[in-house]
Structures are given as C-alpha cells and as structure tokens.
Amino acid sequence: MGFQISHKVKENQLKPGDHIYAWRPGFLYAHHGIFLRTDKVIQLAPAAKGIDHREQKPARCGHPKCGFRAANGSAVVRSCLSCFLRGGVPRLHHYGVPTVEYLLKTAGTCSTAKREADLSVVVHRAKYLLKNGFGEYNLYMNNCEDFALYCSTGLVVRRATADGILRSGRTSGQVKTPIYYRTPTGMIKRYFADIGVRKDVVKVTVEQLVANISHGTPSASQGGSSFLNLSKIS
C-alpha cells in the first residue's frame, strides 16, 4: 500500500474489524473503536456511575444496541456508529506503514505494526472484551486507542517486572498536544513508543489477556490502571 494522505472512509466501505477513529471538536484528540457489522462500534470509554461522561449516549438515540455495557461495570461499551462519530466522519487507522509515513502522519492515526490479516480475529477480541472487560479506563495507560490497537494486533507491552501495565505503548504514560509530536523530540519519542518498533511487546490471546487481568483497585503508585500478569505467558 502506497502513502495515503487521507484516512477518511465512507460508512458503506467499512468492514467488520476495522479500527476507526473520529476527531473531536478542535482536533485536540480522537476517539478510537472497532467497527462491527450493522452499524455498531465497540470501544473503551470512561464511565461514572454507569454513564459515560465523555462518550455519553445522546438521549435522542433510538438504536437498540447502543450504550450496552457488561454487568460487571466494564469500561468497554458498544454504541451505534452515529453516537461514536458524534457528528464527525469515520477515519481508518492505518497499519504496517513505513517509518517515513509514520513520522509524517499525525499521532494516533497509524502504526508500523501489522494488523491481523483475518479481521474476524479482531472482531472476536472486541466482542470478548465487551463481555469480559479490558481493565479500568485510564487516559495515560489504558485508553480507547490502546483498546483498538490490542484488538487489531494482539500486542501488549511487557514491563521489566513480572506484572506489566496493560497498555499498547502508544501514549507511554503521557499525553501531549498534537503540536508536541511535530517537534523533533516528540517525533522521536512517538516513533520508539510505537508497538511496531518496541522490543518489549508480547502477543497474547484475548483469553489469556482476560484471565490475567486483575480487577482489584490498584494504588496510585501503580498508575491507577488494571494490571496484566505476564509472568506465565511465554
């Protein structure tokens, strides 16, 4: 695939398993999710008392499948495409891009890592996590982009210790403005944080992932995120 400037895609061109995102007003950040058949998207979203405080389902939405969460209080939610987009347009996250393209593109729009060739695997991961959870939402360590990246690649970051924080490595524990990632320092840090470049990533099945997530409340020193015990995963 050659260098593609635009990531926009028509809704009728979306395929089940596509990693899509939509920019929010001001292009300050994008919301990511996995597209399913028949106008549904599975995503990770923050919740307060069972209600999304940023990705809240509009009262006017009449989609019968929109706003579903598992009874265990999971941060993974299924919504209709319209509520996911919130007036924006769908864009495809690109995988397997060359280094030059990755550095030239806006942060959060592509990765050098390869996506699963079989998109049904991506859909399976998303649906399994909708039922079983993906840990607590954390803007720095476990966000919507981390969720979509894992579903698409099956990769998570292994820390030096036995218990690794569940994250894709995209944000690397920090959130910067889009302008920062255009600076030489920002471009270099973003490149070496990409899961297609990092050497501390491991591929795990979604069943292994869920089995090793601790649903206890982590301490502040642990980053406020759920943890993945990788010590028993080869």
C-alpha atoms as a PDB file:
ATOM      1  CA  MET A   1       0.000   0.000   0.000  1.00  0.00           C
ATOM      2  CA  GLY A   2       1.412   3.386  -1.004  1.00  0.00           C
ATOM      3  CA  PHE A   3       1.473   6.545   1.063  1.00  0.00           C
ATOM      4  CA  GLN A   4      -2.105   7.592   1.752  1.00  0.00           C
ATOM      5  CA  ILE A   5      -2.763  11.182   2.755  1.00  0.00           C
ATOM      6  CA  SER A   6      -6.408  10.859   3.715  1.00  0.00           C
ATOM      7  CA  HIS A   7      -7.739   8.441   6.315  1.00  0.00           C
ATOM      8  CA  LYS A   8     -11.381   9.273   5.612  1.00  0.00           C
ATOM      9  CA  VAL A   9     -13.634   6.403   4.638  1.00  0.00           C
ATOM     10  CA  LYS A  10     -17.280   6.214   3.656  1.00  0.00           C
ATOM     11  CA  GLU A  11     -19.544   4.443   6.112  1.00  0.00           C
ATOM     12  CA  ASN A  12     -20.629   1.921   3.468  1.00  0.00           C
ATOM     13  CA  GLN A  13     -16.975   0.999   2.886  1.00  0.00           C
ATOM     14  CA  LEU A  14     -16.285  -0.004   6.486  1.00  0.00           C
ATOM     15  CA  LYS A  15     -15.574  -3.676   7.170  1.00  0.00           C
ATOM     16  CA  PRO A  16     -16.142  -5.590  10.405  1.00  0.00           C
ATOM     17  CA  GLY A  17     -12.888  -5.454  12.335  1.00  0.00           C
ATOM     18  CA  ASP A  18     -11.755  -2.082  11.009  1.00  0.00           C
ATOM     19  CA  HIS A  19     -10.004   0.145  13.556  1.00  0.00           C
ATOM     20  CA  ILE A  20     -11.700   3.501  13.114  1.00  0.00           C
ATOM     21  CA  TYR A  21     -11.390   6.847  14.835  1.00  0.00           C
ATOM     22  CA  ALA A  22     -13.174  10.194  14.816  1.00  0.00           C
ATOM     23  CA  TRP A  23     -11.725  13.565  15.694  1.00  0.00           C
ATOM     24  CA  ARG A  24     -13.452  15.549  18.382  1.00  0.00           C
ATOM     25  CA  PRO A  25     -14.016  19.325  18.071  1.00  0.00           C
ATOM     26  CA  GLY A  26     -10.797  21.247  17.632  1.00  0.00           C
ATOM     27  CA  PHE A  27      -8.859  18.120  16.594  1.00  0.00           C
ATOM     28  CA  LEU A  28      -7.455  18.002  20.131  1.00  0.00           C
ATOM     29  CA  TYR A  29      -7.962  14.262  20.395  1.00  0.00           C
ATOM     30  CA  ALA A  30      -9.551  11.370  18.535  1.00  0.00           C
ATOM     31  CA  HIS A  31     -11.815   8.620  19.819  1.00  0.00           C
ATOM     32  CA  HIS A  32     -10.998   5.065  18.670  1.00  0.00           C
ATOM     33  CA  GLY A  33     -13.018   1.884  18.334  1.00  0.00           C
ATOM     34  CA  ILE A  34     -13.544  -1.356  16.418  1.00  0.00           C
ATOM     35  CA  PHE A  35     -16.297  -1.344  13.809  1.00  0.00           C
ATOM     36  CA  LEU A  36     -18.753  -4.240  13.767  1.00  0.00           C
ATOM     37  CA  ARG A  37     -21.266  -5.293  11.205  1.00  0.00           C
ATOM     38  CA  THR A  38     -24.632  -3.481  11.117  1.00  0.00           C
ATOM     39  CA  ASP A  39     -23.711  -0.034  12.380  1.00  0.00           C
ATOM     40  CA  LYS A  40     -22.102  -0.923  15.713  1.00  0.00           C
ATOM     41  CA  VAL A  41     -18.772   0.030  17.295  1.00  0.00           C
ATOM     42  CA  ILE A  42     -17.034  -1.433  20.350  1.00  0.00           C
ATOM     43  CA  GLN A  43     -14.799   0.942  22.245  1.00  0.00           C
ATOM     44  CA  LEU A  44     -13.238   1.721  25.622  1.00  0.00           C
ATOM     45  CA  ALA A  45     -14.763   4.767  27.288  1.00  0.00           C
ATOM     46  CA  PRO A  46     -14.584   6.356  30.738  1.00  0.00           C
ATOM     47  CA  ALA A  47     -17.642   5.869  32.896  1.00  0.00           C
ATOM     48  CA  ALA A  48     -19.046   7.478  36.024  1.00  0.00           C
ATOM     49  CA  LYS A  49     -21.874   5.692  37.803  1.00  0.00           C
ATOM     50  CA  GLY A  50     -22.518   3.683  34.659  1.00  0.00           C
ATOM     51  CA  ILE A  51     -22.806   6.755  32.435  1.00  0.00           C
ATOM     52  CA  ASP A  52     -20.104   7.801  30.003  1.00  0.00           C
ATOM     53  CA  HIS A  53     -19.036  11.293  30.955  1.00  0.00           C
ATOM     54  CA  ARG A  54     -17.287  11.913  27.654  1.00  0.00           C
ATOM     55  CA  GLU A  55     -18.819   9.404  25.264  1.00  0.00           C
ATOM     56  CA  GLN A  56     -22.355   9.676  26.588  1.00  0.00           C
ATOM     57  CA  LYS A  57     -25.146   8.186  24.541  1.00  0.00           C
ATOM     58  CA  PRO A  58     -27.397  11.002  23.279  1.00  0.00           C
ATOM     59  CA  ALA A  59     -30.924  10.877  24.647  1.00  0.00           C
ATOM     60  CA  ARG A  60     -32.271  11.067  21.101  1.00  0.00           C
ATOM     61  CA  CYS A  61     -30.509   7.853  20.054  1.00  0.00           C
ATOM     62  CA  GLY A  62     -33.014   5.084  19.477  1.00  0.00           C
ATOM     63  CA  HIS A  63     -30.561   2.376  18.410  1.00  0.00           C
ATOM     64  CA  PRO A  64     -31.481  -0.767  20.413  1.00  0.00           C
ATOM     65  CA  LYS A  65     -27.850  -1.913  20.728  1.00  0.00           C
ATOM     66  CA  CYS A  66     -26.346   1.463  21.670  1.00  0.00           C
ATOM     67  CA  GLY A  67     -24.841   2.017  25.111  1.00  0.00           C
ATOM     68  CA  PHE A  68     -24.506  -1.640  26.135  1.00  0.00           C
ATOM     69  CA  ARG A  69     -22.009  -2.489  28.881  1.00  0.00           C
ATOM     70  CA  ALA A  70     -21.458  -5.795  30.631  1.00  0.00           C
ATOM     71  CA  ALA A  71     -22.995  -6.114  34.084  1.00  0.00           C
ATOM     72  CA  ASN A  72     -19.508  -6.226  35.652  1.00  0.00           C
ATOM     73  CA  GLY A  73     -19.118  -2.477  35.172  1.00  0.00           C
ATOM     74  CA  SER A  74     -16.671  -2.866  32.291  1.00  0.00           C
ATOM     75  CA  ALA A  75     -15.317   0.240  30.592  1.00  0.00           C
ATOM     76  CA  VAL A  76     -15.847  -1.475  27.238  1.00  0.00           C
ATOM     77  CA  VAL A  77     -19.050  -0.248  25.610  1.00  0.00           C
ATOM     78  CA  ARG A  78     -20.927  -0.914  22.387  1.00  0.00           C
ATOM     79  CA  SER A  79     -22.549   2.014  20.625  1.00  0.00           C
ATOM     80  CA  CYS A  80     -24.079   2.810  17.289  1.00  0.00           C
ATOM     81  CA  LEU A  81     -21.800   4.375  14.687  1.00  0.00           C
ATOM     82  CA  SER A  82     -23.621   7.708  14.864  1.00  0.00           C
ATOM     83  CA  CYS A  83     -23.015   8.110  18.610  1.00  0.00           C
ATOM     84  CA  PHE A  84     -19.400   7.033  18.161  1.00  0.00           C
ATOM     85  CA  LEU A  85     -18.799   9.652  15.477  1.00  0.00           C
ATOM     86  CA  ARG A  86     -20.717  12.430  17.277  1.00  0.00           C
ATOM     87  CA  GLY A  87     -21.070  14.413  14.080  1.00  0.00           C
ATOM     88  CA  GLY A  88     -17.596  13.601  12.812  1.00  0.00           C
ATOM     89  CA  VAL A  89     -16.561  11.429   9.893  1.00  0.00           C
ATOM     90  CA  PRO A  90     -15.079   7.919  10.155  1.00  0.00           C
ATOM     91  CA  ARG A  91     -11.372   7.524   9.520  1.00  0.00           C
ATOM     92  CA  LEU A  92      -9.336   4.337   9.190  1.00  0.00           C
ATOM     93  CA  HIS A  93      -6.311   3.769  11.390  1.00  0.00           C
ATOM     94  CA  HIS A  94      -3.525   2.530   9.102  1.00  0.00           C
ATOM     95  CA  TYR A  95      -1.217  -0.370   9.975  1.00  0.00           C
ATOM     96  CA  GLY A  96       2.100  -1.541   8.573  1.00  0.00           C
ATOM     97  CA  VAL A  97       3.114   1.935   7.426  1.00  0.00           C
ATOM     98  CA  PRO A  98       6.784   2.670   6.650  1.00  0.00           C
ATOM     99  CA  THR A  99       8.837   4.768   9.057  1.00  0.00           C
ATOM    100  CA  VAL A 100       8.747   7.945   6.970  1.00  0.00           C
ATOM    101  CA  GLU A 101       4.970   7.842   6.676  1.00  0.00           C
ATOM    102  CA  TYR A 102       4.587   7.170  10.397  1.00  0.00           C
ATOM    103  CA  LEU A 103       6.720  10.195  11.277  1.00  0.00           C
ATOM    104  CA  LEU A 104       4.854  12.470   8.866  1.00  0.00           C
ATOM    105  CA  LYS A 105       1.394  11.445   9.992  1.00  0.00           C
ATOM    106  CA  THR A 106      -0.495  12.862  12.958  1.00  0.00           C
ATOM    107  CA  ALA A 107      -0.125  10.932  16.226  1.00  0.00           C
ATOM    108  CA  GLY A 108      -2.823   8.324  16.729  1.00  0.00           C
ATOM    109  CA  THR A 109      -3.604   7.759  13.045  1.00  0.00           C
ATOM    110  CA  CYS A 110      -1.255   4.913  12.105  1.00  0.00           C
ATOM    111  CA  SER A 111       1.260   2.337  13.324  1.00  0.00           C
ATOM    112  CA  THR A 112       4.221   0.482  11.897  1.00  0.00           C
ATOM    113  CA  ALA A 113       2.815  -2.708  13.453  1.00  0.00           C
ATOM    114  CA  LYS A 114       0.909  -5.116  11.256  1.00  0.00           C
ATOM    115  CA  ARG A 115      -2.799  -5.703  11.752  1.00  0.00           C
ATOM    116  CA  GLU A 116      -4.279  -9.183  11.847  1.00  0.00           C
ATOM    117  CA  ALA A 117      -4.826 -10.393   8.295  1.00  0.00           C
ATOM    118  CA  ASP A 118      -8.033 -12.112   9.393  1.00  0.00           C
ATOM    119  CA  LEU A 119     -10.366  -9.361  10.600  1.00  0.00           C
ATOM    120  CA  SER A 120     -12.668 -11.919  12.220  1.00  0.00           C
ATOM    121  CA  VAL A 121      -9.919 -12.303  14.874  1.00  0.00           C
ATOM    122  CA  VAL A 122     -10.144  -8.568  15.574  1.00  0.00           C
ATOM    123  CA  VAL A 123     -13.923  -8.795  15.915  1.00  0.00           C
ATOM    124  CA  HIS A 124     -13.600 -11.791  18.252  1.00  0.00           C
ATOM    125  CA  ARG A 125     -11.236  -9.895  20.540  1.00  0.00           C
ATOM    126  CA  ALA A 126     -13.509  -6.853  20.662  1.00  0.00           C
ATOM    127  CA  LYS A 127     -16.623  -8.912  21.423  1.00  0.00           C
ATOM    128  CA  TYR A 128     -14.806 -11.000  24.044  1.00  0.00           C
ATOM    129  CA  LEU A 129     -13.576  -7.868  25.793  1.00  0.00           C
ATOM    130  CA  LEU A 130     -17.057  -6.347  25.638  1.00  0.00           C
ATOM    131  CA  LYS A 131     -18.269  -9.319  27.648  1.00  0.00           C
ATOM    132  CA  ASN A 132     -15.258  -9.730  29.960  1.00  0.00           C
ATOM    133  CA  GLY A 133     -13.668  -6.295  30.256  1.00  0.00           C
ATOM    134  CA  PHE A 134     -10.348  -4.658  29.400  1.00  0.00           C
ATOM    135  CA  GLY A 135      -9.476  -3.217  32.781  1.00  0.00           C
ATOM    136  CA  GLU A 136     -10.274   0.243  34.064  1.00  0.00           C
ATOM    137  CA  TYR A 137     -10.136   3.214  31.722  1.00  0.00           C
ATOM    138  CA  ASN A 138      -7.043   5.341  32.262  1.00  0.00           C
ATOM    139  CA  LEU A 139      -6.245   8.261  29.963  1.00  0.00           C
ATOM    140  CA  TYR A 140      -2.492   7.681  30.266  1.00  0.00           C
ATOM    141  CA  MET A 141      -2.180   3.910  30.486  1.00  0.00           C
ATOM    142  CA  ASN A 142      -5.337   2.240  29.191  1.00  0.00           C
ATOM    143  CA  ASN A 143      -7.437   4.295  26.809  1.00  0.00           C
ATOM    144  CA  CYS A 144      -9.598   3.838  23.719  1.00  0.00           C
ATOM    145  CA  GLU A 145      -6.602   3.790  21.389  1.00  0.00           C
ATOM    146  CA  ASP A 146      -4.878   1.125  23.489  1.00  0.00           C
ATOM    147  CA  PHE A 147      -8.037  -0.976  23.263  1.00  0.00           C
ATOM    148  CA  ALA A 148      -8.317  -0.676  19.476  1.00  0.00           C
ATOM    149  CA  LEU A 149      -4.593  -1.324  18.997  1.00  0.00           C
ATOM    150  CA  TYR A 150      -4.743  -4.508  21.056  1.00  0.00           C
ATOM    151  CA  CYS A 151      -7.832  -5.776  19.229  1.00  0.00           C
ATOM    152  CA  SER A 152      -6.146  -5.119  15.889  1.00  0.00           C
ATOM    153  CA  THR A 153      -2.711  -6.581  16.677  1.00  0.00           C
ATOM    154  CA  GLY A 154      -2.942  -8.728  19.817  1.00  0.00           C
ATOM    155  CA  LEU A 155       0.127  -6.932  21.209  1.00  0.00           C
ATOM    156  CA  VAL A 156       0.641  -5.602  24.738  1.00  0.00           C
ATOM    157  CA  VAL A 157       3.712  -4.148  26.420  1.00  0.00           C
ATOM    158  CA  ARG A 158       5.765  -6.246  28.829  1.00  0.00           C
ATOM    159  CA  ARG A 159       7.427  -4.255  31.584  1.00  0.00           C
ATOM    160  CA  ALA A 160      10.756  -5.208  33.142  1.00  0.00           C
ATOM    161  CA  THR A 161       8.856  -6.537  36.174  1.00  0.00           C
ATOM    162  CA  ALA A 162       6.674  -9.630  36.132  1.00  0.00           C
ATOM    163  CA  ASP A 163       3.459  -7.641  36.385  1.00  0.00           C
ATOM    164  CA  GLY A 164       3.146  -5.369  33.366  1.00  0.00           C
ATOM    165  CA  ILE A 165       0.729  -2.485  32.961  1.00  0.00           C
ATOM    166  CA  LEU A 166      -1.852  -3.325  30.353  1.00  0.00           C
ATOM    167  CA  ARG A 167      -1.224  -0.831  27.585  1.00  0.00           C
ATOM    168  CA  SER A 168      -0.269  -0.624  23.940  1.00  0.00           C
ATOM    169  CA  GLY A 169       2.685   1.656  24.486  1.00  0.00           C
ATOM    170  CA  ARG A 170       1.209   4.373  22.292  1.00  0.00           C
ATOM    171  CA  THR A 171       0.892   7.020  24.994  1.00  0.00           C
ATOM    172  CA  SER A 172       3.791   5.732  27.105  1.00  0.00           C
ATOM    173  CA  GLY A 173       2.213   7.125  30.225  1.00  0.00           C
ATOM    174  CA  GLN A 174       1.972  10.682  28.933  1.00  0.00           C
ATOM    175  CA  VAL A 175      -0.424  12.690  26.808  1.00  0.00           C
ATOM    176  CA  LYS A 176       0.947  15.570  24.765  1.00  0.00           C
ATOM    177  CA  THR A 177      -0.613  18.067  22.386  1.00  0.00           C
ATOM    178  CA  PRO A 178      -0.543  17.337  18.613  1.00  0.00           C
ATOM    179  CA  ILE A 179       1.961  20.193  18.214  1.00  0.00           C
ATOM    180  CA  TYR A 180       4.423  18.463  20.568  1.00  0.00           C
ATOM    181  CA  TYR A 181       4.526  15.398  18.320  1.00  0.00           C
ATOM    182  CA  ARG A 182       5.549  17.612  15.409  1.00  0.00           C
ATOM    183  CA  THR A 183       8.739  18.646  17.181  1.00  0.00           C
ATOM    184  CA  PRO A 184      11.926  16.590  16.595  1.00  0.00           C
ATOM    185  CA  THR A 185      11.860  15.348  20.206  1.00  0.00           C
ATOM    186  CA  GLY A 186       8.182  14.462  20.020  1.00  0.00           C
ATOM    187  CA  MET A 187       8.581  12.614  16.706  1.00  0.00           C
ATOM    188  CA  ILE A 188      11.457  10.523  18.039  1.00  0.00           C
ATOM    189  CA  LYS A 189       9.642   9.631  21.268  1.00  0.00           C
ATOM    190  CA  ARG A 190       6.458   8.766  19.391  1.00  0.00           C
ATOM    191  CA  TYR A 191       8.341   6.542  16.954  1.00  0.00           C
ATOM    192  CA  PHE A 192      10.125   4.492  19.611  1.00  0.00           C
ATOM    193  CA  ALA A 193       6.886   4.170  21.599  1.00  0.00           C
ATOM    194  CA  ASP A 194       5.056   2.578  18.659  1.00  0.00           C
ATOM    195  CA  ILE A 195       4.182  -1.090  19.185  1.00  0.00           C
ATOM    196  CA  GLY A 196       5.642  -1.936  15.795  1.00  0.00           C
ATOM    197  CA  VAL A 197       9.046  -0.648  16.931  1.00  0.00           C
ATOM    198  CA  ARG A 198       9.208  -1.510  20.632  1.00  0.00           C
ATOM    199  CA  LYS A 199      11.111  -4.612  21.730  1.00  0.00           C
ATOM    200  CA  ASP A 200       9.142  -5.119  24.956  1.00  0.00           C
ATOM    201  CA  VAL A 201       5.869  -6.242  23.384  1.00  0.00           C
ATOM    202  CA  VAL A 202       4.308  -9.675  23.535  1.00  0.00           C
ATOM    203  CA  LYS A 203       1.397 -11.156  21.613  1.00  0.00           C
ATOM    204  CA  VAL A 204      -1.283 -12.761  23.760  1.00  0.00           C
ATOM    205  CA  THR A 205      -4.665 -14.248  23.009  1.00  0.00           C
ATOM    206  CA  VAL A 206      -7.680 -12.387  24.297  1.00  0.00           C
ATOM    207  CA  GLU A 207      -8.482 -15.324  26.551  1.00  0.00           C
ATOM    208  CA  GLN A 208      -5.009 -15.111  28.133  1.00  0.00           C
ATOM    209  CA  LEU A 209      -5.376 -11.375  28.468  1.00  0.00           C
ATOM    210  CA  VAL A 210      -8.682 -11.528  30.333  1.00  0.00           C
ATOM    211  CA  ALA A 211      -7.516 -14.417  32.523  1.00  0.00           C
ATOM    212  CA  ASN A 212      -4.535 -12.371  33.694  1.00  0.00           C
ATOM    213  CA  ILE A 213      -6.181  -9.007  34.288  1.00  0.00           C
ATOM    214  CA  SER A 214      -6.525  -8.134  37.947  1.00  0.00           C
ATOM    215  CA  HIS A 215      -9.845  -6.441  38.630  1.00  0.00           C
ATOM    216  CA  GLY A 216      -8.750  -5.160  42.034  1.00  0.00           C
ATOM    217  CA  THR A 217      -8.436  -1.439  42.676  1.00  0.00           C
ATOM    218  CA  PRO A 218      -4.782  -0.513  42.034  1.00  0.00           C
ATOM    219  CA  SER A 219      -2.919   2.002  44.126  1.00  0.00           C
ATOM    220  CA  ALA A 220      -1.991   5.437  42.871  1.00  0.00           C
ATOM    221  CA  SER A 221       1.642   4.363  42.640  1.00  0.00           C
ATOM    222  CA  GLN A 222       0.589   1.732  40.123  1.00  0.00           C
ATOM    223  CA  GLY A 223      -0.740   4.353  37.750  1.00  0.00           C
ATOM    224  CA  GLY A 224      -4.424   3.819  38.510  1.00  0.00           C
ATOM    225  CA  SER A 225      -4.748   1.126  35.875  1.00  0.00           C
ATOM    226  CA  SER A 226      -5.584  -2.560  35.825  1.00  0.00           C
ATOM    227  CA  PHE A 227      -2.636  -4.898  35.513  1.00  0.00           C
ATOM    228  CA  LEU A 228      -1.668  -7.820  33.333  1.00  0.00           C
ATOM    229  CA  ASN A 229       0.446 -10.572  34.863  1.00  0.00           C
ATOM    230  CA  LEU A 230       2.676 -11.722  32.024  1.00  0.00           C
ATOM    231  CA  SER A 231       4.905 -13.968  34.113  1.00  0.00           C
ATOM    232  CA  LYS A 232       3.084 -17.097  32.973  1.00  0.00           C
ATOM    233  CA  ILE A 233       2.762 -16.080  29.319  1.00  0.00           C
ATOM    234  CA  SER A 234       5.609 -17.102  27.034  1.00  0.00           C
END
